[in-house]
N, C-alpha and C. Protein backbone atom coordinates (compact mmCIF):
# COMPACT_ATOMS: atom_id res chain seq x y z
N UNK A 1 226.03 161.33 -21.89
CA UNK A 1 226.50 161.36 -20.52
C UNK A 1 225.29 161.60 -19.62
N UNK A 2 225.12 160.77 -18.58
CA UNK A 2 223.99 160.97 -17.68
C UNK A 2 224.41 161.84 -16.50
N UNK A 3 223.43 162.23 -15.70
CA UNK A 3 223.68 163.17 -14.62
C UNK A 3 224.66 162.59 -13.59
N UNK A 4 224.59 161.26 -13.33
CA UNK A 4 225.53 160.66 -12.38
C UNK A 4 226.97 160.80 -12.87
N UNK A 5 227.19 160.60 -14.17
CA UNK A 5 228.53 160.74 -14.73
C UNK A 5 229.00 162.19 -14.65
N UNK A 6 228.10 163.12 -14.94
CA UNK A 6 228.44 164.54 -14.89
C UNK A 6 228.84 164.93 -13.46
N UNK A 7 228.06 164.47 -12.48
CA UNK A 7 228.33 164.83 -11.09
C UNK A 7 229.58 164.17 -10.54
N UNK A 8 229.99 163.02 -11.11
CA UNK A 8 231.19 162.34 -10.64
C UNK A 8 232.46 163.00 -11.17
N UNK A 9 232.36 163.71 -12.30
CA UNK A 9 233.53 164.39 -12.85
C UNK A 9 233.80 165.65 -12.05
N UNK A 10 235.05 165.90 -11.70
CA UNK A 10 235.34 167.11 -10.93
C UNK A 10 235.10 168.36 -11.78
N UNK A 11 234.43 169.35 -11.18
CA UNK A 11 234.16 170.60 -11.89
C UNK A 11 235.43 171.43 -12.01
N UNK A 12 236.36 171.21 -11.10
CA UNK A 12 237.63 171.94 -11.14
C UNK A 12 238.70 170.97 -11.62
N UNK A 13 239.40 171.33 -12.68
CA UNK A 13 240.34 170.39 -13.31
C UNK A 13 241.70 170.32 -12.62
N UNK A 14 241.72 169.94 -11.34
CA UNK A 14 242.98 169.91 -10.62
C UNK A 14 243.96 168.91 -11.22
N UNK A 15 243.43 167.91 -11.93
CA UNK A 15 244.31 166.89 -12.49
C UNK A 15 244.72 167.18 -13.93
N UNK A 16 244.26 168.31 -14.48
CA UNK A 16 244.66 168.68 -15.84
C UNK A 16 246.15 169.02 -15.83
N UNK A 17 246.85 168.61 -16.88
CA UNK A 17 248.29 168.83 -16.94
C UNK A 17 248.64 170.25 -17.38
N UNK A 18 249.77 170.72 -16.89
CA UNK A 18 250.28 172.03 -17.29
C UNK A 18 250.45 172.11 -18.80
N UNK A 19 250.85 171.01 -19.43
CA UNK A 19 251.03 170.99 -20.89
C UNK A 19 249.74 171.37 -21.60
N UNK A 20 248.58 170.94 -21.08
CA UNK A 20 247.30 171.28 -21.69
C UNK A 20 247.00 172.77 -21.53
N UNK A 21 247.35 173.32 -20.39
CA UNK A 21 247.14 174.76 -20.15
C UNK A 21 248.03 175.57 -21.10
N UNK A 22 249.27 175.15 -21.27
CA UNK A 22 250.20 175.87 -22.15
C UNK A 22 249.72 175.87 -23.60
N UNK A 23 249.07 174.78 -24.03
CA UNK A 23 248.57 174.71 -25.41
C UNK A 23 247.52 175.76 -25.70
N UNK A 24 246.86 176.26 -24.66
CA UNK A 24 245.82 177.27 -24.82
C UNK A 24 246.38 178.70 -24.81
N UNK A 25 247.67 178.83 -24.56
CA UNK A 25 248.32 180.14 -24.47
C UNK A 25 249.08 180.46 -25.76
N UNK A 26 249.52 181.69 -25.87
CA UNK A 26 250.27 182.13 -27.05
C UNK A 26 251.66 181.50 -27.10
N UNK A 27 252.22 181.15 -25.94
CA UNK A 27 253.54 180.55 -25.92
C UNK A 27 254.67 181.56 -25.81
N UNK A 28 254.35 182.84 -25.80
CA UNK A 28 255.38 183.86 -25.68
C UNK A 28 256.01 183.83 -24.28
N UNK A 29 257.32 183.82 -24.24
CA UNK A 29 258.05 183.89 -22.98
C UNK A 29 258.91 185.15 -23.07
N UNK A 30 258.68 186.06 -22.15
CA UNK A 30 259.40 187.34 -22.18
C UNK A 30 260.57 187.28 -21.19
N UNK A 31 261.74 187.63 -21.70
CA UNK A 31 262.97 187.50 -20.91
C UNK A 31 263.77 188.79 -20.91
N UNK A 32 264.74 188.81 -20.01
CA UNK A 32 265.67 189.95 -19.93
C UNK A 32 266.99 189.42 -19.36
N UNK A 33 268.11 189.97 -19.80
CA UNK A 33 269.40 189.58 -19.20
C UNK A 33 269.57 190.20 -17.81
N UNK A 34 270.36 189.59 -16.94
CA UNK A 34 270.51 190.09 -15.57
C UNK A 34 271.21 191.45 -15.48
N UNK A 35 272.00 191.82 -16.49
CA UNK A 35 272.71 193.10 -16.43
C UNK A 35 271.93 194.27 -17.04
N UNK A 36 270.68 194.03 -17.40
CA UNK A 36 269.82 195.12 -17.89
C UNK A 36 269.35 195.96 -16.70
N UNK A 37 268.94 197.17 -16.99
CA UNK A 37 268.43 198.02 -15.92
C UNK A 37 267.00 197.64 -15.57
N UNK A 38 266.64 197.94 -14.36
CA UNK A 38 265.27 197.72 -13.91
C UNK A 38 264.32 198.59 -14.74
N UNK A 39 264.75 199.77 -15.12
CA UNK A 39 263.92 200.65 -15.95
C UNK A 39 263.56 199.95 -17.26
N UNK A 40 264.54 199.31 -17.88
CA UNK A 40 264.28 198.59 -19.12
C UNK A 40 263.31 197.43 -18.87
N UNK A 41 263.49 196.72 -17.77
CA UNK A 41 262.61 195.59 -17.44
C UNK A 41 261.16 196.06 -17.27
N UNK A 42 260.97 197.13 -16.55
CA UNK A 42 259.62 197.66 -16.32
C UNK A 42 259.01 198.12 -17.65
N UNK A 43 259.83 198.71 -18.51
CA UNK A 43 259.35 199.12 -19.84
C UNK A 43 258.88 197.94 -20.67
N UNK A 44 259.62 196.85 -20.64
CA UNK A 44 259.23 195.64 -21.39
C UNK A 44 257.94 195.06 -20.81
N UNK A 45 257.85 195.01 -19.49
CA UNK A 45 256.63 194.48 -18.86
C UNK A 45 255.42 195.31 -19.28
N UNK A 46 255.56 196.63 -19.29
CA UNK A 46 254.46 197.51 -19.69
C UNK A 46 254.09 197.29 -21.16
N UNK A 47 255.10 197.21 -22.01
CA UNK A 47 254.87 197.02 -23.44
C UNK A 47 254.20 195.68 -23.75
N UNK A 48 254.60 194.64 -23.04
CA UNK A 48 254.09 193.28 -23.30
C UNK A 48 252.86 192.95 -22.46
N UNK A 49 252.48 193.85 -21.55
CA UNK A 49 251.33 193.64 -20.67
C UNK A 49 251.50 192.37 -19.82
N UNK A 50 252.67 192.24 -19.21
CA UNK A 50 252.96 191.10 -18.35
C UNK A 50 253.44 191.60 -16.99
N UNK A 51 253.35 190.74 -15.98
CA UNK A 51 253.74 191.13 -14.63
C UNK A 51 255.12 190.67 -14.22
N UNK A 52 255.80 189.93 -15.11
CA UNK A 52 257.15 189.48 -14.78
C UNK A 52 257.93 189.18 -16.05
N UNK A 53 259.23 189.09 -15.89
CA UNK A 53 260.13 188.65 -16.96
C UNK A 53 261.03 187.57 -16.38
N UNK A 54 261.33 186.59 -17.20
CA UNK A 54 262.31 185.60 -16.79
C UNK A 54 263.69 186.19 -17.03
N UNK A 55 264.58 186.03 -16.08
CA UNK A 55 265.94 186.53 -16.21
C UNK A 55 266.78 185.38 -16.74
N UNK A 56 267.28 185.57 -17.96
CA UNK A 56 268.06 184.52 -18.62
C UNK A 56 269.50 184.98 -18.76
N UNK A 57 270.41 184.10 -18.36
CA UNK A 57 271.84 184.38 -18.45
C UNK A 57 272.48 183.27 -19.28
N UNK A 58 272.94 183.61 -20.47
CA UNK A 58 273.55 182.67 -21.41
C UNK A 58 272.64 181.46 -21.66
N UNK A 59 271.35 181.75 -21.86
CA UNK A 59 270.39 180.71 -22.19
C UNK A 59 269.83 179.93 -21.02
N UNK A 60 270.29 180.23 -19.81
CA UNK A 60 269.82 179.51 -18.62
C UNK A 60 268.98 180.43 -17.74
N UNK A 61 267.95 179.87 -17.13
CA UNK A 61 267.11 180.63 -16.19
C UNK A 61 267.92 180.92 -14.93
N UNK A 62 268.10 182.21 -14.64
CA UNK A 62 268.86 182.57 -13.44
C UNK A 62 268.00 183.30 -12.41
N UNK A 63 266.78 183.65 -12.79
CA UNK A 63 265.90 184.35 -11.85
C UNK A 63 264.63 184.80 -12.53
N UNK A 64 263.83 185.53 -11.77
CA UNK A 64 262.61 186.12 -12.29
C UNK A 64 262.49 187.49 -11.65
N UNK A 65 262.04 188.46 -12.43
CA UNK A 65 261.85 189.80 -11.90
C UNK A 65 260.38 190.19 -12.17
N UNK A 66 259.74 190.70 -11.13
CA UNK A 66 258.32 191.00 -11.22
C UNK A 66 258.04 192.44 -10.80
N UNK A 67 256.82 192.85 -11.06
CA UNK A 67 256.40 194.18 -10.62
C UNK A 67 256.48 194.27 -9.09
N UNK A 68 256.24 193.16 -8.42
CA UNK A 68 256.34 193.12 -6.96
C UNK A 68 257.79 193.38 -6.52
N UNK A 69 258.76 192.76 -7.23
CA UNK A 69 260.17 193.01 -6.93
C UNK A 69 260.49 194.50 -7.09
N UNK A 70 259.97 195.09 -8.16
CA UNK A 70 260.20 196.51 -8.42
C UNK A 70 259.64 197.37 -7.29
N UNK A 71 258.41 197.08 -6.91
CA UNK A 71 257.77 197.89 -5.87
C UNK A 71 258.51 197.78 -4.53
N UNK A 72 258.89 196.56 -4.17
CA UNK A 72 259.49 196.33 -2.85
C UNK A 72 260.98 196.63 -2.79
N UNK A 73 261.69 196.39 -3.89
CA UNK A 73 263.15 196.48 -3.84
C UNK A 73 263.72 197.72 -4.52
N UNK A 74 262.87 198.45 -5.21
CA UNK A 74 263.34 199.70 -5.83
C UNK A 74 262.57 200.87 -5.24
N UNK A 75 261.27 200.91 -5.45
CA UNK A 75 260.46 202.05 -5.00
C UNK A 75 260.54 202.23 -3.48
N UNK A 76 260.23 201.18 -2.73
CA UNK A 76 260.21 201.31 -1.26
C UNK A 76 261.58 201.55 -0.65
N UNK A 77 262.64 201.16 -1.36
CA UNK A 77 263.99 201.38 -0.84
C UNK A 77 264.62 202.65 -1.41
N UNK A 78 263.86 203.41 -2.19
CA UNK A 78 264.35 204.67 -2.72
C UNK A 78 265.47 204.52 -3.73
N UNK A 79 265.52 203.39 -4.42
CA UNK A 79 266.55 203.16 -5.43
C UNK A 79 266.13 203.78 -6.75
N UNK A 80 267.10 203.92 -7.64
CA UNK A 80 266.86 204.49 -8.96
C UNK A 80 266.75 203.36 -9.99
N UNK A 81 265.62 203.29 -10.70
CA UNK A 81 265.40 202.21 -11.66
C UNK A 81 266.31 202.32 -12.88
N UNK A 82 266.85 203.51 -13.13
CA UNK A 82 267.76 203.71 -14.27
C UNK A 82 269.16 203.15 -13.98
N UNK A 83 269.54 203.10 -12.70
CA UNK A 83 270.88 202.63 -12.37
C UNK A 83 270.90 201.27 -11.66
N UNK A 84 269.76 200.81 -11.20
CA UNK A 84 269.68 199.50 -10.55
C UNK A 84 269.58 198.42 -11.61
N UNK A 85 270.35 197.37 -11.44
CA UNK A 85 270.33 196.27 -12.40
C UNK A 85 269.34 195.19 -11.97
N UNK A 86 268.81 194.50 -12.96
CA UNK A 86 267.84 193.42 -12.71
C UNK A 86 268.42 192.40 -11.74
N UNK A 87 269.68 192.03 -11.89
CA UNK A 87 270.28 191.01 -11.04
C UNK A 87 270.29 191.42 -9.56
N UNK A 88 270.20 192.72 -9.28
CA UNK A 88 270.21 193.21 -7.91
C UNK A 88 268.86 193.00 -7.22
N UNK A 89 267.79 192.90 -7.97
CA UNK A 89 266.46 192.79 -7.35
C UNK A 89 265.71 191.52 -7.72
N UNK A 90 266.22 190.74 -8.65
CA UNK A 90 265.49 189.55 -9.11
C UNK A 90 265.38 188.51 -8.00
N UNK A 91 264.37 187.68 -8.13
CA UNK A 91 264.22 186.53 -7.24
C UNK A 91 265.06 185.41 -7.84
N UNK A 92 266.02 184.93 -7.06
CA UNK A 92 266.96 183.93 -7.57
C UNK A 92 266.43 182.50 -7.42
N UNK A 93 265.75 182.22 -6.35
CA UNK A 93 265.22 180.87 -6.13
C UNK A 93 263.83 180.80 -6.76
N UNK A 94 263.81 180.40 -8.01
CA UNK A 94 262.57 180.41 -8.78
C UNK A 94 261.86 179.07 -8.66
N UNK A 95 260.59 179.14 -8.28
CA UNK A 95 259.75 177.93 -8.26
C UNK A 95 259.37 177.64 -9.71
N UNK A 96 259.52 176.38 -10.12
CA UNK A 96 259.20 175.99 -11.49
C UNK A 96 258.34 174.73 -11.48
N UNK A 97 257.70 174.48 -12.62
CA UNK A 97 256.96 173.24 -12.84
C UNK A 97 257.38 172.67 -14.18
N UNK A 98 256.95 171.44 -14.43
CA UNK A 98 257.19 170.79 -15.72
C UNK A 98 255.85 170.62 -16.41
N UNK A 99 255.85 170.26 -17.68
CA UNK A 99 254.58 170.03 -18.39
C UNK A 99 253.75 168.91 -17.77
N UNK A 100 254.39 168.03 -17.01
CA UNK A 100 253.69 166.90 -16.39
C UNK A 100 253.10 167.21 -15.02
N UNK A 101 253.38 168.39 -14.49
CA UNK A 101 252.72 168.79 -13.25
C UNK A 101 251.25 169.06 -13.55
N UNK A 102 250.43 168.99 -12.52
CA UNK A 102 249.00 169.25 -12.69
C UNK A 102 248.65 170.68 -12.30
N UNK A 103 247.46 171.09 -12.68
CA UNK A 103 246.94 172.40 -12.28
C UNK A 103 246.91 172.48 -10.75
N UNK A 104 246.46 171.42 -10.10
CA UNK A 104 246.39 171.40 -8.64
C UNK A 104 247.76 171.57 -7.99
N UNK A 105 248.76 170.86 -8.51
CA UNK A 105 250.11 171.00 -7.97
C UNK A 105 250.64 172.41 -8.18
N UNK A 106 250.34 172.97 -9.35
CA UNK A 106 250.80 174.34 -9.65
C UNK A 106 250.14 175.35 -8.74
N UNK A 107 248.83 175.18 -8.50
CA UNK A 107 248.12 176.09 -7.60
C UNK A 107 248.67 175.99 -6.18
N UNK A 108 248.96 174.77 -5.75
CA UNK A 108 249.51 174.58 -4.41
C UNK A 108 250.89 175.23 -4.28
N UNK A 109 251.73 175.07 -5.29
CA UNK A 109 253.07 175.66 -5.27
C UNK A 109 252.98 177.19 -5.26
N UNK A 110 252.09 177.75 -6.07
CA UNK A 110 251.92 179.21 -6.09
C UNK A 110 251.47 179.71 -4.72
N UNK A 111 250.56 178.97 -4.10
CA UNK A 111 250.05 179.37 -2.78
C UNK A 111 251.15 179.27 -1.72
N UNK A 112 251.87 178.16 -1.71
CA UNK A 112 252.93 177.97 -0.71
C UNK A 112 254.05 178.98 -0.85
N UNK A 113 254.45 179.25 -2.09
CA UNK A 113 255.58 180.16 -2.33
C UNK A 113 255.15 181.62 -2.46
N UNK A 114 253.83 181.86 -2.48
CA UNK A 114 253.27 183.21 -2.63
C UNK A 114 253.80 183.89 -3.89
N UNK A 115 253.70 183.15 -5.01
CA UNK A 115 254.13 183.68 -6.31
C UNK A 115 252.95 183.66 -7.27
N UNK A 116 253.05 184.46 -8.31
CA UNK A 116 251.98 184.55 -9.30
C UNK A 116 252.38 183.98 -10.65
N UNK A 117 253.64 183.59 -10.80
CA UNK A 117 254.14 183.07 -12.08
C UNK A 117 255.07 181.88 -11.83
N UNK A 118 254.92 180.86 -12.68
CA UNK A 118 255.78 179.68 -12.61
C UNK A 118 256.35 179.40 -13.99
N UNK A 119 257.67 179.49 -14.15
CA UNK A 119 258.25 179.04 -15.41
C UNK A 119 258.01 177.54 -15.57
N UNK A 120 257.74 177.13 -16.79
CA UNK A 120 257.55 175.71 -17.09
C UNK A 120 258.82 175.23 -17.78
N UNK A 121 259.44 174.21 -17.18
CA UNK A 121 260.73 173.73 -17.65
C UNK A 121 260.60 172.34 -18.26
N UNK A 122 261.31 172.14 -19.36
CA UNK A 122 261.49 170.82 -19.95
C UNK A 122 262.99 170.56 -19.88
N UNK A 123 263.42 169.87 -18.84
CA UNK A 123 264.85 169.74 -18.57
C UNK A 123 265.38 171.09 -18.15
N UNK A 124 266.37 171.61 -18.86
CA UNK A 124 266.93 172.93 -18.56
C UNK A 124 266.33 174.03 -19.43
N UNK A 125 265.41 173.67 -20.32
CA UNK A 125 264.83 174.64 -21.25
C UNK A 125 263.50 175.17 -20.73
N UNK A 126 263.35 176.50 -20.79
CA UNK A 126 262.08 177.14 -20.45
C UNK A 126 261.15 176.99 -21.66
N UNK A 127 259.97 176.42 -21.44
CA UNK A 127 259.03 176.24 -22.55
C UNK A 127 257.76 177.07 -22.39
N UNK A 128 257.63 177.77 -21.27
CA UNK A 128 256.46 178.61 -21.06
C UNK A 128 256.47 179.19 -19.67
N UNK A 129 255.47 180.02 -19.41
CA UNK A 129 255.26 180.60 -18.09
C UNK A 129 253.78 180.44 -17.76
N UNK A 130 253.51 179.92 -16.59
CA UNK A 130 252.15 179.71 -16.12
C UNK A 130 251.85 180.82 -15.11
N UNK A 131 250.76 181.54 -15.32
CA UNK A 131 250.39 182.61 -14.39
C UNK A 131 249.17 182.19 -13.59
N UNK A 132 248.93 182.87 -12.50
CA UNK A 132 247.74 182.61 -11.71
C UNK A 132 246.50 182.85 -12.56
N UNK A 133 246.56 183.80 -13.47
CA UNK A 133 245.43 184.05 -14.37
C UNK A 133 245.16 182.87 -15.29
N UNK A 134 246.20 182.21 -15.75
CA UNK A 134 246.03 181.02 -16.58
C UNK A 134 245.28 179.94 -15.82
N UNK A 135 245.64 179.76 -14.55
CA UNK A 135 244.99 178.73 -13.74
C UNK A 135 243.54 179.10 -13.45
N UNK A 136 243.28 180.37 -13.17
CA UNK A 136 241.91 180.82 -12.94
C UNK A 136 241.07 180.60 -14.20
N UNK A 137 241.62 180.94 -15.37
CA UNK A 137 240.89 180.72 -16.62
C UNK A 137 240.58 179.25 -16.83
N UNK A 138 241.52 178.38 -16.50
CA UNK A 138 241.34 176.94 -16.63
C UNK A 138 240.18 176.47 -15.75
N UNK A 139 240.16 176.91 -14.51
CA UNK A 139 239.12 176.51 -13.57
C UNK A 139 237.77 177.06 -14.01
N UNK A 140 237.71 178.32 -14.40
CA UNK A 140 236.44 178.93 -14.84
C UNK A 140 235.90 178.22 -16.08
N UNK A 141 236.76 177.91 -17.03
CA UNK A 141 236.32 177.20 -18.24
C UNK A 141 235.76 175.83 -17.90
N UNK A 142 236.41 175.12 -17.00
CA UNK A 142 235.93 173.80 -16.60
C UNK A 142 234.58 173.89 -15.90
N UNK A 143 234.41 174.88 -15.06
CA UNK A 143 233.13 175.06 -14.38
C UNK A 143 232.04 175.43 -15.38
N UNK A 144 232.37 176.27 -16.34
CA UNK A 144 231.40 176.65 -17.38
C UNK A 144 230.95 175.42 -18.17
N UNK A 145 231.92 174.56 -18.53
CA UNK A 145 231.58 173.34 -19.27
C UNK A 145 230.67 172.44 -18.44
N UNK A 146 230.97 172.28 -17.15
CA UNK A 146 230.16 171.43 -16.29
C UNK A 146 228.75 171.99 -16.15
N UNK A 147 228.62 173.28 -15.99
CA UNK A 147 227.30 173.91 -15.89
C UNK A 147 226.51 173.71 -17.17
N UNK A 148 227.16 173.89 -18.32
CA UNK A 148 226.47 173.71 -19.60
C UNK A 148 226.03 172.26 -19.81
N UNK A 149 226.88 171.30 -19.40
CA UNK A 149 226.51 169.89 -19.53
C UNK A 149 225.30 169.57 -18.66
N UNK A 150 225.28 170.09 -17.42
CA UNK A 150 224.14 169.87 -16.54
C UNK A 150 222.88 170.54 -17.11
N UNK A 151 223.03 171.75 -17.60
CA UNK A 151 221.89 172.47 -18.17
C UNK A 151 221.31 171.69 -19.37
N UNK A 152 222.21 171.18 -20.22
CA UNK A 152 221.75 170.41 -21.38
C UNK A 152 221.07 169.12 -20.95
N UNK A 153 221.61 168.48 -19.92
CA UNK A 153 221.00 167.24 -19.42
C UNK A 153 219.60 167.53 -18.88
N UNK A 154 219.47 168.60 -18.12
CA UNK A 154 218.16 168.98 -17.57
C UNK A 154 217.21 169.35 -18.69
N UNK A 155 217.70 170.06 -19.70
CA UNK A 155 216.86 170.47 -20.82
C UNK A 155 216.29 169.27 -21.57
N UNK A 156 217.08 168.21 -21.68
CA UNK A 156 216.60 166.99 -22.35
C UNK A 156 215.54 166.30 -21.51
N UNK A 157 215.71 166.35 -20.18
CA UNK A 157 214.78 165.67 -19.28
C UNK A 157 213.53 166.49 -19.01
N UNK A 158 213.63 167.79 -19.14
CA UNK A 158 212.50 168.68 -18.82
C UNK A 158 212.23 169.60 -20.00
N UNK A 159 211.32 169.24 -20.89
CA UNK A 159 211.02 170.10 -22.04
C UNK A 159 210.64 171.51 -21.57
N UNK A 160 211.14 172.48 -22.29
CA UNK A 160 210.88 173.88 -21.95
C UNK A 160 211.97 174.53 -21.13
N UNK A 161 212.86 173.70 -20.54
CA UNK A 161 213.99 174.24 -19.78
C UNK A 161 215.05 174.68 -20.79
N UNK A 162 215.62 175.90 -20.64
CA UNK A 162 216.59 176.37 -21.65
C UNK A 162 217.88 175.57 -21.64
N UNK A 163 218.34 175.21 -22.82
CA UNK A 163 219.62 174.52 -22.94
C UNK A 163 220.76 175.53 -22.84
N UNK A 164 221.99 175.03 -22.77
CA UNK A 164 223.16 175.91 -22.69
C UNK A 164 223.25 176.80 -23.93
N UNK A 165 222.85 176.26 -25.07
CA UNK A 165 222.92 177.03 -26.33
C UNK A 165 221.92 178.19 -26.32
N UNK A 166 220.83 178.05 -25.57
CA UNK A 166 219.79 179.08 -25.54
C UNK A 166 220.12 180.20 -24.57
N UNK A 167 221.06 179.94 -23.67
CA UNK A 167 221.37 180.93 -22.63
C UNK A 167 222.44 181.87 -23.07
């Protein structure tokens, strides 16, 4: 690959598909029923080290509950997490993507809706969850690859310049 080809390729993979991002993840989708307590939901989030749970009702996505929901709808309103149910605080209108959406479309949707997590749907089935961290990792990895390719190209053209492997 020559330098012109490297420079023509976008350093940020806005056109990479969500399906490719999901393949790099563990695939775990953490869920909770809507009639569970918020206390239980927060406990699962802490145990799993995640910021949200998908609310599933009889196998169907009915909402999403996040740490933000907890902070704004329980703590700030003086509610009790032991007696408040997930269905009372969950976000019902969930923004979702499909495996065929792109990283760019997902980033735009997250920005417009001010959300940090997007369930990935294949028809009516949840097949994953895309987080803002997943998208950041995707962008950083692509930039790292582009930098290494340029460094290697320069190293070949200029003896003594360190290659990506040497750095």
